[in-house]
Amino acid sequence: MNVVPTIKTMLASELMVEIPLEQMRMDDSLRDAFGLDSLGFVELRVLCEQAFDVVISDDDFSPENFSTLGEVVGLVERLIKEQENTNAQPTG
């Protein structure tokens, strides 16, 4: 699953961001450019967890990881990679 278009689509369809997908930039502020409020950040966290089958810990749910589109994408990509590495390790 491609992370960037999926998150952009979530922002537009689920969180009602009115910026067209093709105009969303990686350095756009989720609060200032997209207008997310505290509830919007929580909703984005849950949507990312559901869409990408990852868990965003309370430590990762921080302003550093949720201030721009690019930071959220980077966090999700890191969590997906960590999960893949965990699943690839042999058991027993």
Protein backbone atom coordinates (compact mmCIF):
# COMPACT_ATOMS: atom_id res chain seq x y z
CA MET A 1 0.00 0.00 0.00
CA ASN A 2 1.37 3.38 -0.96
CA VAL A 3 1.48 5.52 2.18
CA VAL A 4 1.42 9.05 0.73
CA PRO A 5 -1.73 8.81 -1.44
CA THR A 6 -3.52 6.82 1.23
CA ILE A 7 -2.91 9.44 3.91
CA LYS A 8 -3.82 12.26 1.51
CA THR A 9 -7.08 10.48 0.70
CA MET A 10 -7.83 10.01 4.41
CA LEU A 11 -7.25 13.71 5.02
CA ALA A 12 -9.64 14.66 2.22
CA SER A 13 -12.37 12.07 2.61
CA GLU A 14 -12.38 11.28 6.33
CA LEU A 15 -11.09 14.51 7.90
CA MET A 16 -12.70 16.88 5.39
CA VAL A 17 -9.52 18.74 4.42
CA GLU A 18 -10.56 20.91 1.50
CA ILE A 19 -7.16 21.12 -0.22
CA PRO A 20 -7.07 19.06 -3.43
CA LEU A 21 -4.86 15.97 -3.16
CA GLU A 22 -2.52 17.17 -5.91
CA GLN A 23 -1.89 20.41 -4.00
CA MET A 24 -1.02 18.73 -0.68
CA ARG A 25 2.71 19.05 -0.01
CA MET A 26 4.84 16.97 2.33
CA ASP A 27 5.87 20.03 4.34
CA ASP A 28 2.29 21.29 4.79
CA SER A 29 1.34 21.79 8.43
CA LEU A 30 -1.52 19.56 9.53
CA ARG A 31 -2.79 22.31 11.82
CA ASP A 32 -2.11 25.47 9.79
CA ALA A 33 -2.50 24.28 6.20
CA PHE A 34 -5.06 21.50 6.68
CA GLY A 35 -6.91 22.89 9.70
CA LEU A 36 -6.73 19.81 11.92
CA ASP A 37 -7.67 20.32 15.54
CA SER A 38 -6.92 18.03 18.49
CA LEU A 39 -9.76 15.66 17.56
CA GLY A 40 -8.54 15.61 13.96
CA PHE A 41 -5.09 14.48 15.12
CA VAL A 42 -6.62 11.64 17.13
CA GLU A 43 -8.79 10.63 14.17
CA LEU A 44 -5.75 10.65 11.85
CA ARG A 45 -3.88 8.43 14.32
CA VAL A 46 -6.72 5.89 14.38
CA LEU A 47 -7.17 5.99 10.60
CA CYS A 48 -3.45 5.36 10.05
CA GLU A 49 -3.47 2.48 12.53
CA GLN A 50 -6.43 0.88 10.78
CA ALA A 51 -5.30 1.49 7.20
CA PHE A 52 -1.71 0.34 7.66
CA ASP A 53 -2.19 -2.23 10.44
CA VAL A 54 0.29 -0.51 12.76
CA VAL A 55 0.17 0.70 16.35
CA ILE A 56 1.10 4.32 16.98
CA SER A 57 2.31 4.43 20.56
CA ASP A 58 1.64 7.38 22.84
CA ASP A 59 5.34 8.25 22.53
CA ASP A 60 5.05 8.32 18.72
CA PHE A 61 1.81 10.33 18.87
CA SER A 62 3.74 13.55 19.36
CA PRO A 63 3.95 16.99 17.76
CA GLU A 64 7.27 15.96 16.20
CA ASN A 65 5.56 13.13 14.29
CA PHE A 66 2.23 14.84 13.61
CA SER A 67 3.07 18.41 12.61
CA THR A 68 3.38 17.94 8.83
CA LEU A 69 2.11 15.51 6.24
CA GLY A 70 5.67 14.34 5.63
CA GLU A 71 6.27 13.57 9.29
CA VAL A 72 3.15 11.41 9.51
CA VAL A 73 4.16 9.60 6.32
CA GLY A 74 7.66 9.04 7.73
CA LEU A 75 6.27 7.69 11.01
CA VAL A 76 3.90 5.29 9.27
CA GLU A 77 6.62 4.07 6.90
CA ARG A 78 8.96 3.48 9.86
CA LEU A 79 6.28 1.55 11.76
CA ILE A 80 5.48 -0.58 8.71
CA LYS A 81 9.17 -1.38 8.25
CA GLU A 82 9.61 -2.24 11.94
CA GLN A 83 6.58 -4.53 11.79
CA GLU A 84 7.89 -6.24 8.64
CA ASN A 85 11.26 -6.78 10.33
CA THR A 86 9.57 -8.22 13.41
CA ASN A 87 7.41 -10.54 11.31
CA ALA A 88 10.42 -11.68 9.27
CA GLN A 89 12.39 -12.84 12.31
CA PRO A 90 12.34 -16.60 12.79
CA THR A 91 10.57 -17.88 15.88
CA GLY A 92 11.64 -20.58 18.29
